[in-house]
PDB file of N, CA and C in Angstrom:
ATOM      1  N   UNK A   1      -4.713  26.471 -18.103  1.00  0.00           N
ATOM      2  CA  UNK A   1      -3.206  27.265 -17.253  1.00  0.00           C
ATOM      3  C   UNK A   1      -2.864  27.618 -18.793  1.00  0.00           C
ATOM      4  N   UNK A   2      -2.544  29.065 -17.583  1.00  0.00           N
ATOM      5  CA  UNK A   2      -2.309  30.630 -18.372  1.00  0.00           C
ATOM      6  C   UNK A   2      -0.671  29.932 -18.200  1.00  0.00           C
ATOM      7  N   UNK A   3       0.587  30.412 -18.849  1.00  0.00           N
ATOM      8  CA  UNK A   3       1.607  30.118 -18.161  1.00  0.00           C
ATOM      9  C   UNK A   3       2.390  31.251 -18.119  1.00  0.00           C
ATOM     10  N   UNK A   4       1.791  32.684 -18.620  1.00  0.00           N
ATOM     11  CA  UNK A   4       1.759  33.058 -18.608  1.00  0.00           C
ATOM     12  C   UNK A   4       2.518  33.714 -17.075  1.00  0.00           C
ATOM     13  N   UNK A   5       1.417  33.280 -16.368  1.00  0.00           N
ATOM     14  CA  UNK A   5       0.751  33.888 -14.763  1.00  0.00           C
ATOM     15  C   UNK A   5       2.576  32.441 -13.870  1.00  0.00           C
ATOM     16  N   UNK A   6       2.883  31.790 -14.678  1.00  0.00           N
ATOM     17  CA  UNK A   6       3.495  30.797 -14.005  1.00  0.00           C
ATOM     18  C   UNK A   6       4.166  30.581 -14.888  1.00  0.00           C
ATOM     19  N   UNK A   7       5.718  30.703 -14.570  1.00  0.00           N
ATOM     20  CA  UNK A   7       6.298  30.187 -15.905  1.00  0.00           C
ATOM     21  C   UNK A   7       6.488  28.521 -15.659  1.00  0.00           C
ATOM     22  N   UNK A   8       7.056  27.817 -16.471  1.00  0.00           N
ATOM     23  CA  UNK A   8       6.785  26.954 -16.848  1.00  0.00           C
ATOM     24  C   UNK A   8       7.543  25.510 -15.520  1.00  0.00           C
ATOM     25  N   UNK A   9       8.565  26.440 -15.998  1.00  0.00           N
ATOM     26  CA  UNK A   9       9.193  26.138 -14.370  1.00  0.00           C
ATOM     27  C   UNK A   9       8.603  25.958 -13.224  1.00  0.00           C
ATOM     28  N   UNK A  10       8.350  26.797 -12.647  1.00  0.00           N
ATOM     29  CA  UNK A  10       6.603  27.293 -11.441  1.00  0.00           C
ATOM     30  C   UNK A  10       6.213  26.296 -11.761  1.00  0.00           C
ATOM     31  N   UNK A  11       5.458  26.736 -12.607  1.00  0.00           N
ATOM     32  CA  UNK A  11       3.967  25.754 -13.137  1.00  0.00           C
ATOM     33  C   UNK A  11       4.039  23.702 -12.821  1.00  0.00           C
ATOM     34  N   UNK A  12       5.197  23.120 -13.738  1.00  0.00           N
ATOM     35  CA  UNK A  12       5.687  21.815 -13.431  1.00  0.00           C
ATOM     36  C   UNK A  12       6.009  21.821 -11.873  1.00  0.00           C
ATOM     37  N   UNK A  13       6.799  21.956 -11.271  1.00  0.00           N
ATOM     38  CA  UNK A  13       7.024  22.092  -9.899  1.00  0.00           C
ATOM     39  C   UNK A  13       6.392  22.070  -8.625  1.00  0.00           C
ATOM     40  N   UNK A  14       5.292  22.764  -9.475  1.00  0.00           N
ATOM     41  CA  UNK A  14       4.004  23.090  -8.711  1.00  0.00           C
ATOM     42  C   UNK A  14       3.204  21.833  -8.936  1.00  0.00           C
ATOM     43  N   UNK A  15       2.664  21.669 -10.169  1.00  0.00           N
ATOM     44  CA  UNK A  15       2.430  20.164 -10.513  1.00  0.00           C
ATOM     45  C   UNK A  15       3.206  19.357  -9.978  1.00  0.00           C
ATOM     46  N   UNK A  16       4.438  18.837  -9.804  1.00  0.00           N
ATOM     47  CA  UNK A  16       4.338  17.810  -8.865  1.00  0.00           C
ATOM     48  C   UNK A  16       4.324  17.805  -7.936  1.00  0.00           C
ATOM     49  N   UNK A  17       4.652  19.162  -7.297  1.00  0.00           N
ATOM     50  CA  UNK A  17       4.767  18.804  -5.348  1.00  0.00           C
ATOM     51  C   UNK A  17       3.375  18.499  -5.215  1.00  0.00           C
ATOM     52  N   UNK A  18       1.745  18.868  -5.834  1.00  0.00           N
ATOM     53  CA  UNK A  18       0.150  18.451  -5.579  1.00  0.00           C
ATOM     54  C   UNK A  18       0.683  16.884  -6.097  1.00  0.00           C
ATOM     55  N   UNK A  19       0.902  16.638  -7.401  1.00  0.00           N
ATOM     56  CA  UNK A  19       1.110  14.659  -7.226  1.00  0.00           C
ATOM     57  C   UNK A  19       1.484  14.236  -5.889  1.00  0.00           C
ATOM     58  N   UNK A  20       3.239  15.090  -5.681  1.00  0.00           N
ATOM     59  CA  UNK A  20       3.484  14.117  -4.844  1.00  0.00           C
ATOM     60  C   UNK A  20       2.807  14.099  -2.739  1.00  0.00           C
ATOM     61  N   UNK A  21       2.100  15.505  -2.533  1.00  0.00           N
ATOM     62  CA  UNK A  21       1.395  15.889  -1.736  1.00  0.00           C
ATOM     63  C   UNK A  21       0.436  14.335  -1.540  1.00  0.00           C
ATOM     64  N   UNK A  22      -0.253  14.609  -2.636  1.00  0.00           N
ATOM     65  CA  UNK A  22      -1.454  12.877  -2.623  1.00  0.00           C
ATOM     66  C   UNK A  22      -0.593  12.105  -2.338  1.00  0.00           C
ATOM     67  N   UNK A  23       0.830  11.806  -3.190  1.00  0.00           N
ATOM     68  CA  UNK A  23       0.936   9.895  -2.878  1.00  0.00           C
ATOM     69  C   UNK A  23       0.878  10.181  -1.478  1.00  0.00           C
ATOM     70  N   UNK A  24       1.774  11.652  -0.651  1.00  0.00           N
ATOM     71  CA  UNK A  24       2.144  11.162   0.603  1.00  0.00           C
ATOM     72  C   UNK A  24       0.877  10.984   1.407  1.00  0.00           C
ATOM     73  N   UNK A  25      -0.610  11.772   1.286  1.00  0.00           N
ATOM     74  CA  UNK A  25      -1.636  11.166   2.039  1.00  0.00           C
ATOM     75  C   UNK A  25      -1.394   9.922   2.088  1.00  0.00           C
ATOM     76  N   UNK A  26      -2.121   9.437   1.106  1.00  0.00           N
ATOM     77  CA  UNK A  26      -2.186   8.293   0.434  1.00  0.00           C
ATOM     78  C   UNK A  26      -1.496   7.254   0.948  1.00  0.00           C
ATOM     79  N   UNK A  27       0.754   7.212   1.001  1.00  0.00           N
ATOM     80  CA  UNK A  27       0.954   6.487   2.261  1.00  0.00           C
ATOM     81  C   UNK A  27       1.978   7.776   3.152  1.00  0.00           C
ATOM     82  N   UNK A  28       1.691   7.716   3.938  1.00  0.00           N
ATOM     83  CA  UNK A  28       1.600   8.626   4.913  1.00  0.00           C
ATOM     84  C   UNK A  28       3.513   8.744   5.321  1.00  0.00           C
ATOM     85  N   UNK A  29       3.872   6.538   5.094  1.00  0.00           N
ATOM     86  CA  UNK A  29       5.120   6.155   5.080  1.00  0.00           C
ATOM     87  C   UNK A  29       5.942   6.570   4.151  1.00  0.00           C
ATOM     88  N   UNK A  30       5.917   7.722   3.150  1.00  0.00           N
ATOM     89  CA  UNK A  30       6.536   8.285   1.971  1.00  0.00           C
ATOM     90  C   UNK A  30       6.913   9.479   2.899  1.00  0.00           C
ATOM     91  N   UNK A  31       7.006  10.160   3.674  1.00  0.00           N
ATOM     92  CA  UNK A  31       7.307  11.302   4.995  1.00  0.00           C
ATOM     93  C   UNK A  31       9.007  11.053   4.266  1.00  0.00           C
ATOM     94  N   UNK A  32       9.364   9.710   5.881  1.00  0.00           N
ATOM     95  CA  UNK A  32      10.704   9.258   6.960  1.00  0.00           C
ATOM     96  C   UNK A  32      11.016   8.850   5.129  1.00  0.00           C
ATOM     97  N   UNK A  33      11.119   9.639   3.994  1.00  0.00           N
ATOM     98  CA  UNK A  33      11.835   9.026   3.314  1.00  0.00           C
ATOM     99  C   UNK A  33      12.136  10.267   2.192  1.00  0.00           C
ATOM    100  N   UNK A  34      10.638  11.599   2.925  1.00  0.00           N
ATOM    101  CA  UNK A  34      11.664  12.885   1.787  1.00  0.00           C
ATOM    102  C   UNK A  34      12.589  13.450   3.321  1.00  0.00           C
ATOM    103  N   UNK A  35      12.199  13.209   4.279  1.00  0.00           N
ATOM    104  CA  UNK A  35      12.953  13.439   5.713  1.00  0.00           C
ATOM    105  C   UNK A  35      14.825  12.872   5.129  1.00  0.00           C
ATOM    106  N   UNK A  36      14.918  11.372   5.249  1.00  0.00           N
ATOM    107  CA  UNK A  36      16.022  11.435   4.852  1.00  0.00           C
ATOM    108  C   UNK A  36      16.684  11.955   3.988  1.00  0.00           C
ATOM    109  N   UNK A  37      15.942  12.218   2.645  1.00  0.00           N
ATOM    110  CA  UNK A  37      16.439  13.124   1.349  1.00  0.00           C
ATOM    111  C   UNK A  37      17.584  14.063   1.791  1.00  0.00           C
ATOM    112  N   UNK A  38      16.687  14.950   2.648  1.00  0.00           N
ATOM    113  CA  UNK A  38      17.304  16.425   3.651  1.00  0.00           C
ATOM    114  C   UNK A  38      17.928  16.003   4.130  1.00  0.00           C
ATOM    115  N   UNK A  39      18.168  14.904   4.617  1.00  0.00           N
ATOM    116  CA  UNK A  39      18.966  14.671   5.975  1.00  0.00           C
ATOM    117  C   UNK A  39      20.755  14.586   4.679  1.00  0.00           C
ATOM    118  N   UNK A  40      19.645  13.526   4.169  1.00  0.00           N
ATOM    119  CA  UNK A  40      21.568  13.562   3.038  1.00  0.00           C
ATOM    120  C   UNK A  40      21.910  14.328   2.670  1.00  0.00           C
ATOM    121  N   UNK A  41      20.307  15.703   2.029  1.00  0.00           N
ATOM    122  CA  UNK A  41      21.230  16.434   1.302  1.00  0.00           C
ATOM    123  C   UNK A  41      22.295  17.405   2.364  1.00  0.00           C
ATOM    124  N   UNK A  42      21.786  17.120   3.002  1.00  0.00           N
ATOM    125  CA  UNK A  42      22.270  18.455   4.296  1.00  0.00           C
ATOM    126  C   UNK A  42      24.411  17.996   4.697  1.00  0.00           C
ATOM    127  N   UNK A  43      23.654  17.437   4.177  1.00  0.00           N
ATOM    128  CA  UNK A  43      25.700  16.864   4.022  1.00  0.00           C
ATOM    129  C   UNK A  43      26.145  17.188   2.633  1.00  0.00           C
ATOM    130  N   UNK A  44      25.732  17.502   2.174  1.00  0.00           N
ATOM    131  CA  UNK A  44      26.216  18.253   0.736  1.00  0.00           C
ATOM    132  C   UNK A  44      26.135  18.829  -0.118  1.00  0.00           C
ATOM    133  N   UNK A  45      24.579  19.346   0.559  1.00  0.00           N
ATOM    134  CA  UNK A  45      24.585  20.829   0.050  1.00  0.00           C
ATOM    135  C   UNK A  45      24.493  21.964   0.498  1.00  0.00           C
ATOM    136  N   UNK A  46      24.650  23.206  -0.577  1.00  0.00           N
ATOM    137  CA  UNK A  46      25.049  24.708  -0.363  1.00  0.00           C
ATOM    138  C   UNK A  46      24.054  24.468   1.233  1.00  0.00           C
ATOM    139  N   UNK A  47      25.288  25.394   1.617  1.00  0.00           N
ATOM    140  CA  UNK A  47      24.782  25.151   3.127  1.00  0.00           C
ATOM    141  C   UNK A  47      23.996  26.551   3.069  1.00  0.00           C
ATOM    142  N   UNK A  48      23.579  27.841   1.373  1.00  0.00           N
ATOM    143  CA  UNK A  48      22.875  29.067   2.257  1.00  0.00           C
ATOM    144  C   UNK A  48      21.411  28.350   1.795  1.00  0.00           C
ATOM    145  N   UNK A  49      20.612  27.265   1.242  1.00  0.00           N
ATOM    146  CA  UNK A  49      19.896  26.585   0.929  1.00  0.00           C
ATOM    147  C   UNK A  49      18.950  25.660   2.501  1.00  0.00           C
ATOM    148  N   UNK A  50      19.974  25.907   3.261  1.00  0.00           N
ATOM    149  CA  UNK A  50      19.974  25.457   4.650  1.00  0.00           C
ATOM    150  C   UNK A  50      18.781  25.829   5.207  1.00  0.00           C
ATOM    151  N   UNK A  51      18.275  27.648   5.381  1.00  0.00           N
ATOM    152  CA  UNK A  51      16.566  27.541   5.685  1.00  0.00           C
ATOM    153  C   UNK A  51      15.844  27.442   5.157  1.00  0.00           C
ATOM    154  N   UNK A  52      15.753  27.103   4.168  1.00  0.00           N
ATOM    155  CA  UNK A  52      14.442  26.577   2.943  1.00  0.00           C
ATOM    156  C   UNK A  52      14.814  24.634   3.443  1.00  0.00           C
ATOM    157  N   UNK A  53      15.497  23.781   3.152  1.00  0.00           N
ATOM    158  CA  UNK A  53      15.274  22.380   3.677  1.00  0.00           C
ATOM    159  C   UNK A  53      14.872  22.226   5.561  1.00  0.00           C
ATOM    160  N   UNK A  54      15.654  23.594   5.666  1.00  0.00           N
ATOM    161  CA  UNK A  54      14.364  22.747   8.031  1.00  0.00           C
ATOM    162  C   UNK A  54      12.819  23.285   7.412  1.00  0.00           C
ATOM    163  N   UNK A  55      13.004  24.499   6.429  1.00  0.00           N
ATOM    164  CA  UNK A  55      11.548  24.691   6.142  1.00  0.00           C
ATOM    165  C   UNK A  55      10.677  23.403   5.957  1.00  0.00           C
ATOM    166  N   UNK A  56      11.525  23.154   5.339  1.00  0.00           N
ATOM    167  CA  UNK A  56      11.380  21.378   4.513  1.00  0.00           C
ATOM    168  C   UNK A  56      10.400  20.403   5.677  1.00  0.00           C
ATOM    169  N   UNK A  57      11.446  20.509   6.063  1.00  0.00           N
ATOM    170  CA  UNK A  57      10.882  19.837   7.372  1.00  0.00           C
ATOM    171  C   UNK A  57       9.818  20.148   8.659  1.00  0.00           C
ATOM    172  N   UNK A  58       9.909  20.930   8.708  1.00  0.00           N
ATOM    173  CA  UNK A  58       8.428  21.955   9.222  1.00  0.00           C
ATOM    174  C   UNK A  58       7.260  21.045   9.149  1.00  0.00           C
ATOM    175  N   UNK A  59       7.936  21.974   7.840  1.00  0.00           N
ATOM    176  CA  UNK A  59       6.133  21.357   6.743  1.00  0.00           C
ATOM    177  C   UNK A  59       5.219  19.953   6.813  1.00  0.00           C
ATOM    178  N   UNK A  60       6.919  18.879   6.166  1.00  0.00           N
ATOM    179  CA  UNK A  60       6.811  17.727   6.749  1.00  0.00           C
ATOM    180  C   UNK A  60       6.276  16.859   7.685  1.00  0.00           C
ATOM    181  N   UNK A  61       7.432  17.754   8.581  1.00  0.00           N
ATOM    182  CA  UNK A  61       6.664  17.027  10.286  1.00  0.00           C
ATOM    183  C   UNK A  61       5.471  17.643  10.137  1.00  0.00           C
ATOM    184  N   UNK A  62       4.651  18.715  10.242  1.00  0.00           N
ATOM    185  CA  UNK A  62       3.712  19.078  11.076  1.00  0.00           C
ATOM    186  C   UNK A  62       2.420  18.751   9.321  1.00  0.00           C
ATOM    187  N   UNK A  63       2.365  17.857   8.314  1.00  0.00           N
ATOM    188  CA  UNK A  63       1.422  17.749   7.268  1.00  0.00           C
ATOM    189  C   UNK A  63       1.598  19.289   6.878  1.00  0.00           C
ATOM    190  N   UNK A  64       1.913  19.818   6.822  1.00  0.00           N
ATOM    191  CA  UNK A  64       1.598  20.727   6.104  1.00  0.00           C
ATOM    192  C   UNK A  64       1.647  21.536   4.591  1.00  0.00           C
ATOM    193  N   UNK A  65       0.444  20.638   4.282  1.00  0.00           N
ATOM    194  CA  UNK A  65       1.051  20.322   2.369  1.00  0.00           C
ATOM    195  C   UNK A  65       0.129  21.584   1.955  1.00  0.00           C
ATOM    196  N   UNK A  66      -0.524  22.841   2.652  1.00  0.00           N
ATOM    197  CA  UNK A  66      -0.801  23.719   1.614  1.00  0.00           C
ATOM    198  C   UNK A  66       0.525  24.666   1.512  1.00  0.00           C
ATOM    199  N   UNK A  67       1.235  24.272   2.547  1.00  0.00           N
ATOM    200  CA  UNK A  67       2.496  25.642   2.125  1.00  0.00           C
ATOM    201  C   UNK A  67       2.901  24.652   1.199  1.00  0.00           C
ATOM    202  N   UNK A  68       2.960  23.762   1.381  1.00  0.00           N
ATOM    203  CA  UNK A  68       3.574  22.449   0.384  1.00  0.00           C
ATOM    204  C   UNK A  68       3.507  22.976  -1.530  1.00  0.00           C
ATOM    205  N   UNK A  69       2.236  23.338  -1.325  1.00  0.00           N
ATOM    206  CA  UNK A  69       2.012  23.700  -2.628  1.00  0.00           C
ATOM    207  C   UNK A  69       0.944  24.925  -3.001  1.00  0.00           C
ATOM    208  N   UNK A  70       1.927  25.899  -1.944  1.00  0.00           N
ATOM    209  CA  UNK A  70       1.570  27.322  -2.369  1.00  0.00           C
ATOM    210  C   UNK A  70       1.610  28.019  -3.655  1.00  0.00           C
ATOM    211  N   UNK A  71       0.597  28.031  -4.068  1.00  0.00           N
ATOM    212  CA  UNK A  71       0.967  29.146  -5.182  1.00  0.00           C
ATOM    213  C   UNK A  71       0.896  30.580  -4.978  1.00  0.00           C
ATOM    214  N   UNK A  72       2.278  30.717  -4.909  1.00  0.00           N
ATOM    215  CA  UNK A  72       3.465  32.074  -4.139  1.00  0.00           C
ATOM    216  C   UNK A  72       4.796  32.155  -4.753  1.00  0.00           C
ATOM    217  N   UNK A  73       5.322  33.610  -5.014  1.00  0.00           N
ATOM    218  CA  UNK A  73       6.530  34.056  -4.995  1.00  0.00           C
ATOM    219  C   UNK A  73       7.472  32.984  -3.913  1.00  0.00           C
ATOM    220  N   UNK A  74       6.877  32.644  -2.325  1.00  0.00           N
ATOM    221  CA  UNK A  74       7.039  32.342  -1.552  1.00  0.00           C
ATOM    222  C   UNK A  74       6.831  30.799  -1.320  1.00  0.00           C
ATOM    223  N   UNK A  75       5.845  29.523  -2.351  1.00  0.00           N
ATOM    224  CA  UNK A  75       5.749  28.794  -2.439  1.00  0.00           C
ATOM    225  C   UNK A  75       6.878  27.954  -3.402  1.00  0.00           C
ATOM    226  N   UNK A  76       6.760  29.209  -4.388  1.00  0.00           N
ATOM    227  CA  UNK A  76       8.120  28.798  -5.874  1.00  0.00           C
ATOM    228  C   UNK A  76       9.798  28.633  -5.237  1.00  0.00           C
ATOM    229  N   UNK A  77       9.958  30.079  -3.604  1.00  0.00           N
ATOM    230  CA  UNK A  77      11.165  29.906  -3.417  1.00  0.00           C
ATOM    231  C   UNK A  77      11.222  28.218  -2.508  1.00  0.00           C
ATOM    232  N   UNK A  78      10.048  28.054  -1.792  1.00  0.00           N
ATOM    233  CA  UNK A  78      10.310  26.116  -1.356  1.00  0.00           C
ATOM    234  C   UNK A  78      10.521  25.724  -2.169  1.00  0.00           C
ATOM    235  N   UNK A  79       9.854  25.500  -3.322  1.00  0.00           N
ATOM    236  CA  UNK A  79       9.753  24.144  -4.066  1.00  0.00           C
ATOM    237  C   UNK A  79      11.340  24.238  -4.622  1.00  0.00           C
ATOM    238  N   UNK A  80      12.029  25.336  -4.696  1.00  0.00           N
ATOM    239  CA  UNK A  80      13.272  25.080  -5.501  1.00  0.00           C
ATOM    240  C   UNK A  80      14.000  24.365  -4.863  1.00  0.00           C
ATOM    241  N   UNK A  81      14.003  23.883  -2.974  1.00  0.00           N
ATOM    242  CA  UNK A  81      14.654  23.252  -2.371  1.00  0.00           C
ATOM    243  C   UNK A  81      14.199  21.928  -1.315  1.00  0.00           C
ATOM    244  N   UNK A  82      13.485  21.481  -2.116  1.00  0.00           N
ATOM    245  CA  UNK A  82      12.434  20.737  -1.617  1.00  0.00           C
ATOM    246  C   UNK A  82      12.267  18.627  -2.190  1.00  0.00           C
ATOM    247  N   UNK A  83      12.455  18.333  -0.994  1.00  0.00           N
ATOM    248  CA  UNK A  83      12.798  16.795  -1.595  1.00  0.00           C
ATOM    249  C   UNK A  83      11.292  16.436  -1.904  1.00  0.00           C
ATOM    250  N   UNK A  84      10.238  16.903  -2.182  1.00  0.00           N
ATOM    251  CA  UNK A  84       9.088  16.576  -3.012  1.00  0.00           C
ATOM    252  C   UNK A  84       8.654  15.556  -4.405  1.00  0.00           C
ATOM    253  N   UNK A  85       9.383  16.019  -5.206  1.00  0.00           N
ATOM    254  CA  UNK A  85       9.448  15.989  -6.948  1.00  0.00           C
ATOM    255  C   UNK A  85      10.715  14.546  -6.355  1.00  0.00           C
ATOM    256  N   UNK A  86      10.627  14.084  -5.636  1.00  0.00           N
ATOM    257  CA  UNK A  86      11.630  12.935  -5.934  1.00  0.00           C
ATOM    258  C   UNK A  86      11.109  11.691  -4.793  1.00  0.00           C
ATOM    259  N   UNK A  87      10.366  12.009  -4.850  1.00  0.00           N
ATOM    260  CA  UNK A  87       9.405  10.858  -4.444  1.00  0.00           C
ATOM    261  C   UNK A  87       8.527  10.665  -5.576  1.00  0.00           C
ATOM    262  N   UNK A  88       8.325  11.824  -6.662  1.00  0.00           N
ATOM    263  CA  UNK A  88       7.379  10.889  -7.660  1.00  0.00           C
ATOM    264  C   UNK A  88       8.571   9.602  -8.442  1.00  0.00           C
ATOM    265  N   UNK A  89       7.154   8.955  -8.996  1.00  0.00           N
ATOM    266  CA  UNK A  89       7.758   7.499  -9.693  1.00  0.00           C
ATOM    267  C   UNK A  89       8.356   8.507 -11.042  1.00  0.00           C
ATOM    268  N   UNK A  90       8.821   7.661 -11.479  1.00  0.00           N
ATOM    269  CA  UNK A  90       9.138   8.065 -13.437  1.00  0.00           C
ATOM    270  C   UNK A  90       8.218   8.522 -14.180  1.00  0.00           C
ATOM    271  N   UNK A  91       7.606   7.215 -14.779  1.00  0.00           N
ATOM    272  CA  UNK A  91       6.590   8.526 -14.910  1.00  0.00           C
ATOM    273  C   UNK A  91       5.762   8.740 -14.679  1.00  0.00           C
ATOM    274  N   UNK A  92       5.234   9.495 -13.199  1.00  0.00           N
ATOM    275  CA  UNK A  92       4.410  10.786 -13.251  1.00  0.00           C
ATOM    276  C   UNK A  92       5.315  11.453 -13.217  1.00  0.00           C
ATOM    277  N   UNK A  93       6.787  11.357 -13.612  1.00  0.00           N
ATOM    278  CA  UNK A  93       7.204  12.850 -13.496  1.00  0.00           C
ATOM    279  C   UNK A  93       7.386  13.004 -15.492  1.00  0.00           C
ATOM    280  N   UNK A  94       7.517  11.950 -15.246  1.00  0.00           N
ATOM    281  CA  UNK A  94       7.367  12.274 -17.015  1.00  0.00           C
ATOM    282  C   UNK A  94       6.516  13.110 -17.607  1.00  0.00           C
ATOM    283  N   UNK A  95       5.034  12.168 -17.205  1.00  0.00           N
ATOM    284  CA  UNK A  95       3.830  12.307 -17.422  1.00  0.00           C
ATOM    285  C   UNK A  95       3.976  14.668 -16.933  1.00  0.00           C
ATOM    286  N   UNK A  96       4.127  14.335 -16.766  1.00  0.00           N
ATOM    287  CA  UNK A  96       3.789  16.066 -15.855  1.00  0.00           C
ATOM    288  C   UNK A  96       4.795  16.461 -17.278  1.00  0.00           C
ATOM    289  N   UNK A  97       6.010  15.992 -16.944  1.00  0.00           N
ATOM    290  CA  UNK A  97       7.047  17.181 -17.832  1.00  0.00           C
ATOM    291  C   UNK A  97       6.302  17.748 -19.338  1.00  0.00           C
ATOM    292  N   UNK A  98       6.343  16.267 -19.963  1.00  0.00           N
ATOM    293  CA  UNK A  98       5.139  16.366 -21.050  1.00  0.00           C
ATOM    294  C   UNK A  98       3.929  17.938 -21.485  1.00  0.00           C
ATOM    295  N   UNK A  99       3.243  17.163 -20.207  1.00  0.00           N
ATOM    296  CA  UNK A  99       1.939  18.461 -19.956  1.00  0.00           C
ATOM    297  C   UNK A  99       2.137  19.133 -20.268  1.00  0.00           C
ATOM    298  N   UNK A 100       3.534  19.581 -18.937  1.00  0.00           N
ATOM    299  CA  UNK A 100       4.007  21.320 -19.218  1.00  0.00           C
ATOM    300  C   UNK A 100       4.190  22.011 -20.396  1.00  0.00           C
ATOM    301  N   UNK A 101       5.063  20.778 -21.173  1.00  0.00           N
ATOM    302  CA  UNK A 101       5.215  21.204 -22.627  1.00  0.00           C
ATOM    303  C   UNK A 101       4.322  21.654 -23.270  1.00  0.00           C
ATOM    304  N   UNK A 102       3.343  20.462 -23.256  1.00  0.00           N
ATOM    305  CA  UNK A 102       3.151  20.561 -24.417  1.00  0.00           C
ATOM    306  C   UNK A 102       1.688  22.150 -23.966  1.00  0.00           C
ATOM    307  N   UNK A 103       1.441  22.025 -23.161  1.00  0.00           N
ATOM    308  CA  UNK A 103       1.224  23.170 -22.536  1.00  0.00           C
ATOM    309  C   UNK A 103       1.803  24.856 -23.517  1.00  0.00           C
ATOM    310  N   UNK A 104       2.889  24.352 -22.529  1.00  0.00           N
ATOM    311  CA  UNK A 104       4.130  25.269 -23.867  1.00  0.00           C
ATOM    312  C   UNK A 104       3.855  25.791 -25.043  1.00  0.00           C
ATOM    313  N   UNK A 105       3.917  24.792 -25.633  1.00  0.00           N
ATOM    314  CA  UNK A 105       3.596  24.641 -27.348  1.00  0.00           C
ATOM    315  C   UNK A 105       2.373  25.279 -27.262  1.00  0.00           C
ATOM    316  N   UNK A 106       1.717  25.232 -26.930  1.00  0.00           N
ATOM    317  CA  UNK A 106       0.288  25.155 -27.345  1.00  0.00           C
ATOM    318  C   UNK A 106       0.145  27.306 -26.851  1.00  0.00           C
ATOM    319  N   UNK A 107       0.759  27.496 -26.801  1.00  0.00           N
ATOM    320  CA  UNK A 107       0.660  29.016 -26.030  1.00  0.00           C
ATOM    321  C   UNK A 107       1.585  29.953 -27.335  1.00  0.00           C
ATOM    322  N   UNK A 108       2.755  28.741 -27.809  1.00  0.00           N
ATOM    323  CA  UNK A 108       3.704  29.634 -28.616  1.00  0.00           C
ATOM    324  C   UNK A 108       3.221  29.485 -29.812  1.00  0.00           C
ATOM    325  N   UNK A 109       2.093  28.714 -29.864  1.00  0.00           N
ATOM    326  CA  UNK A 109       1.604  28.120 -31.088  1.00  0.00           C
ATOM    327  C   UNK A 109       0.749  29.394 -32.347  1.00  0.00           C
TER     328      UNK A 109
END
């Protein structure tokens, strides 16, 4: 993967969302957890990101996973207000972080 096209943070977020989508497809009950997280965020997170959170509610309820992992500027923007990465177990999250760090280090070597 060339990180010149993707910033490391955007690429890391994309990988985490791809994994979260796989997890939800295997266990659809995780959608309830994601929706609960969004509801909790609505009580104490900036109103400026509310349109993005509302869009996530639509994505999750309609299971529009292609939108969740869209490789575009819009996809990157959506993922900044996403509950999806919070669904990942810590070992999975850390493995993705290490993978991206390794790619970044290899490109700078």
